[in-house]
Amino acid sequence: AFLFFIMTTLVSYILRETQQRMLRFTYLLQHNVTHSRQNMSLVFTHVVESLIFVPIIFGIVFFLFEFYSDRLLAFLVFLVVWAAEIFSVLSARTQTSIYYFPKVFLCYFSLFHIYFF
């Protein structure tokens, strides 16, 4: 459960922060275009701020490499968690799906680990 909590929390944080930064970037870009200002400094600042997530993602992936001792399996587990987070953000809109999807995914994740270990 600890691994599930850490992975889903970090992936959720990365997705939420990326979305907020993109919305702010879009607003500032629209403001710069409206007022005929240069966009290069804004784009450069956005790229540099976005690079902060690269070490977080690499940290998660390298931790999983060590945890599973198989790079392909670790990467696939990371992709499944990432896809589940994206699904929960984009598609889980009803009260029932918001309530049950995390529990079902935790059960699936736990059964995988029981089978694997």
C-alpha atoms as a PDB file:
ATOM      1  CA  ALA A   1       0.000   0.000   0.000  1.00  0.00           C
ATOM      2  CA  PHE A   2       2.935   2.329   0.658  1.00  0.00           C
ATOM      3  CA  LEU A   3       4.259   1.959  -2.886  1.00  0.00           C
ATOM      4  CA  PHE A   4       0.767   2.527  -4.306  1.00  0.00           C
ATOM      5  CA  PHE A   5       0.294   5.658  -2.200  1.00  0.00           C
ATOM      6  CA  ILE A   6       3.679   7.155  -3.091  1.00  0.00           C
ATOM      7  CA  MET A   7       3.400   6.461  -6.826  1.00  0.00           C
ATOM      8  CA  THR A   8      -0.150   7.717  -7.223  1.00  0.00           C
ATOM      9  CA  THR A   9       0.534  10.795  -5.108  1.00  0.00           C
ATOM     10  CA  LEU A  10       3.622  11.779  -7.087  1.00  0.00           C
ATOM     11  CA  VAL A  11       1.989  11.146 -10.458  1.00  0.00           C
ATOM     12  CA  SER A  12      -1.104  13.067  -9.391  1.00  0.00           C
ATOM     13  CA  TYR A  13       1.081  15.950  -8.188  1.00  0.00           C
ATOM     14  CA  ILE A  14       2.981  16.063 -11.483  1.00  0.00           C
ATOM     15  CA  LEU A  15      -0.222  16.056 -13.539  1.00  0.00           C
ATOM     16  CA  ARG A  16      -1.892  18.716 -11.394  1.00  0.00           C
ATOM     17  CA  GLU A  17       1.143  21.013 -11.407  1.00  0.00           C
ATOM     18  CA  THR A  18       1.632  20.585 -15.145  1.00  0.00           C
ATOM     19  CA  GLN A  19      -1.984  21.495 -15.775  1.00  0.00           C
ATOM     20  CA  GLN A  20      -1.748  24.602 -13.589  1.00  0.00           C
ATOM     21  CA  ARG A  21       1.484  25.710 -15.257  1.00  0.00           C
ATOM     22  CA  MET A  22       0.023  25.210 -18.717  1.00  0.00           C
ATOM     23  CA  LEU A  23      -3.051  27.256 -17.845  1.00  0.00           C
ATOM     24  CA  ARG A  24      -0.882  30.052 -16.442  1.00  0.00           C
ATOM     25  CA  PHE A  25       1.390  29.879 -19.508  1.00  0.00           C
ATOM     26  CA  THR A  26      -1.624  30.093 -21.839  1.00  0.00           C
ATOM     27  CA  TYR A  27      -2.985  33.105 -19.962  1.00  0.00           C
ATOM     28  CA  LEU A  28       0.383  34.906 -20.011  1.00  0.00           C
ATOM     29  CA  LEU A  29       0.937  34.062 -23.678  1.00  0.00           C
ATOM     30  CA  GLN A  30      -2.465  35.471 -24.560  1.00  0.00           C
ATOM     31  CA  HIS A  31      -1.630  38.598 -22.552  1.00  0.00           C
ATOM     32  CA  ASN A  32       1.716  39.008 -24.356  1.00  0.00           C
ATOM     33  CA  VAL A  33       0.153  38.557 -27.790  1.00  0.00           C
ATOM     34  CA  THR A  34      -2.589  41.052 -26.981  1.00  0.00           C
ATOM     35  CA  HIS A  35      -0.060  43.667 -25.848  1.00  0.00           C
ATOM     36  CA  SER A  36       2.467  42.893 -28.641  1.00  0.00           C
ATOM     37  CA  ARG A  37       5.237  41.789 -26.297  1.00  0.00           C
ATOM     38  CA  GLN A  38       7.991  39.278 -26.964  1.00  0.00           C
ATOM     39  CA  ASN A  39       7.198  35.681 -26.171  1.00  0.00           C
ATOM     40  CA  MET A  40      10.712  34.239 -26.014  1.00  0.00           C
ATOM     41  CA  SER A  41      11.336  35.043 -22.333  1.00  0.00           C
ATOM     42  CA  LEU A  42       7.934  33.624 -21.405  1.00  0.00           C
ATOM     43  CA  VAL A  43       8.573  30.391 -23.319  1.00  0.00           C
ATOM     44  CA  PHE A  44      12.068  30.080 -21.843  1.00  0.00           C
ATOM     45  CA  THR A  45      10.751  30.588 -18.302  1.00  0.00           C
ATOM     46  CA  HIS A  46       8.013  28.000 -18.855  1.00  0.00           C
ATOM     47  CA  VAL A  47      10.483  25.426 -20.173  1.00  0.00           C
ATOM     48  CA  VAL A  48      12.878  25.964 -17.261  1.00  0.00           C
ATOM     49  CA  GLU A  49      10.047  25.716 -14.718  1.00  0.00           C
ATOM     50  CA  SER A  50       8.804  22.525 -16.380  1.00  0.00           C
ATOM     51  CA  LEU A  51      12.230  20.902 -16.153  1.00  0.00           C
ATOM     52  CA  ILE A  52      11.733  20.630 -12.388  1.00  0.00           C
ATOM     53  CA  PHE A  53       9.545  17.561 -12.963  1.00  0.00           C
ATOM     54  CA  VAL A  54      12.218  15.609 -14.833  1.00  0.00           C
ATOM     55  CA  PRO A  55      14.162  14.624 -11.664  1.00  0.00           C
ATOM     56  CA  ILE A  56      10.919  13.611  -9.954  1.00  0.00           C
ATOM     57  CA  ILE A  57       9.944  11.305 -12.823  1.00  0.00           C
ATOM     58  CA  PHE A  58      13.463   9.873 -13.077  1.00  0.00           C
ATOM     59  CA  GLY A  59      13.467   9.317  -9.309  1.00  0.00           C
ATOM     60  CA  ILE A  60      10.217   7.362  -9.488  1.00  0.00           C
ATOM     61  CA  VAL A  61      11.423   5.266 -12.411  1.00  0.00           C
ATOM     62  CA  PHE A  62      14.829   4.496 -10.881  1.00  0.00           C
ATOM     63  CA  PHE A  63      13.215   3.592  -7.564  1.00  0.00           C
ATOM     64  CA  LEU A  64      10.930   1.183  -9.414  1.00  0.00           C
ATOM     65  CA  PHE A  65      13.923  -0.255 -11.282  1.00  0.00           C
ATOM     66  CA  GLU A  66      15.512  -1.118  -7.942  1.00  0.00           C
ATOM     67  CA  PHE A  67      12.271  -2.297  -6.358  1.00  0.00           C
ATOM     68  CA  TYR A  68      11.264  -4.732  -9.107  1.00  0.00           C
ATOM     69  CA  SER A  69      14.778  -5.698 -10.322  1.00  0.00           C
ATOM     70  CA  ASP A  70      13.384  -5.732 -13.851  1.00  0.00           C
ATOM     71  CA  ARG A  71      13.445  -2.558 -15.903  1.00  0.00           C
ATOM     72  CA  LEU A  72      10.671  -3.491 -18.297  1.00  0.00           C
ATOM     73  CA  LEU A  73       8.319  -4.527 -15.498  1.00  0.00           C
ATOM     74  CA  ALA A  74       9.077  -1.370 -13.519  1.00  0.00           C
ATOM     75  CA  PHE A  75       8.450   0.817 -16.537  1.00  0.00           C
ATOM     76  CA  LEU A  76       5.190  -0.991 -17.317  1.00  0.00           C
ATOM     77  CA  VAL A  77       3.999  -0.591 -13.716  1.00  0.00           C
ATOM     78  CA  PHE A  78       4.811   3.115 -13.950  1.00  0.00           C
ATOM     79  CA  LEU A  79       2.868   3.385 -17.221  1.00  0.00           C
ATOM     80  CA  VAL A  80      -0.158   1.599 -15.747  1.00  0.00           C
ATOM     81  CA  VAL A  81      -0.207   3.929 -12.732  1.00  0.00           C
ATOM     82  CA  TRP A  82       0.228   6.960 -14.996  1.00  0.00           C
ATOM     83  CA  ALA A  83      -2.606   5.793 -17.272  1.00  0.00           C
ATOM     84  CA  ALA A  84      -4.858   5.124 -14.259  1.00  0.00           C
ATOM     85  CA  GLU A  85      -4.229   8.637 -12.942  1.00  0.00           C
ATOM     86  CA  ILE A  86      -5.009  10.151 -16.327  1.00  0.00           C
ATOM     87  CA  PHE A  87      -8.164   8.026 -16.554  1.00  0.00           C
ATOM     88  CA  SER A  88      -9.271   9.125 -13.093  1.00  0.00           C
ATOM     89  CA  VAL A  89      -8.723  12.789 -13.960  1.00  0.00           C
ATOM     90  CA  LEU A  90     -10.334  12.728 -17.401  1.00  0.00           C
ATOM     91  CA  SER A  91     -12.987  10.021 -17.306  1.00  0.00           C
ATOM     92  CA  ALA A  92     -14.026   9.349 -13.714  1.00  0.00           C
ATOM     93  CA  ARG A  93     -16.699  12.020 -13.368  1.00  0.00           C
ATOM     94  CA  THR A  94     -19.621  10.350 -11.604  1.00  0.00           C
ATOM     95  CA  GLN A  95     -19.802   9.962  -7.826  1.00  0.00           C
ATOM     96  CA  THR A  96     -19.777   6.178  -8.204  1.00  0.00           C
ATOM     97  CA  SER A  97     -16.631   6.109 -10.325  1.00  0.00           C
ATOM     98  CA  ILE A  98     -14.872   8.649  -8.105  1.00  0.00           C
ATOM     99  CA  TYR A  99     -15.705   6.506  -5.080  1.00  0.00           C
ATOM    100  CA  TYR A 100     -14.952   3.038  -6.483  1.00  0.00           C
ATOM    101  CA  PHE A 101     -12.158   3.524  -9.034  1.00  0.00           C
ATOM    102  CA  PRO A 102      -9.329   4.200  -6.522  1.00  0.00           C
ATOM    103  CA  LYS A 103     -10.424   1.223  -4.418  1.00  0.00           C
ATOM    104  CA  VAL A 104     -10.638  -1.100  -7.414  1.00  0.00           C
ATOM    105  CA  PHE A 105      -7.263   0.061  -8.688  1.00  0.00           C
ATOM    106  CA  LEU A 106      -5.694  -0.416  -5.234  1.00  0.00           C
ATOM    107  CA  CYS A 107      -7.127  -3.944  -5.154  1.00  0.00           C
ATOM    108  CA  TYR A 108      -5.759  -4.657  -8.632  1.00  0.00           C
ATOM    109  CA  PHE A 109      -2.350  -3.209  -7.696  1.00  0.00           C
ATOM    110  CA  SER A 110      -2.259  -5.212  -4.456  1.00  0.00           C
ATOM    111  CA  LEU A 111      -3.214  -8.459  -6.201  1.00  0.00           C
ATOM    112  CA  PHE A 112      -0.451  -7.894  -8.722  1.00  0.00           C
ATOM    113  CA  HIS A 113       2.084  -7.509  -5.910  1.00  0.00           C
ATOM    114  CA  ILE A 114       0.788 -10.564  -4.076  1.00  0.00           C
ATOM    115  CA  TYR A 115       1.178 -12.551  -7.279  1.00  0.00           C
ATOM    116  CA  PHE A 116       4.598 -11.062  -8.094  1.00  0.00           C
ATOM    117  CA  PHE A 117       6.169 -11.434  -4.662  1.00  0.00           C
END
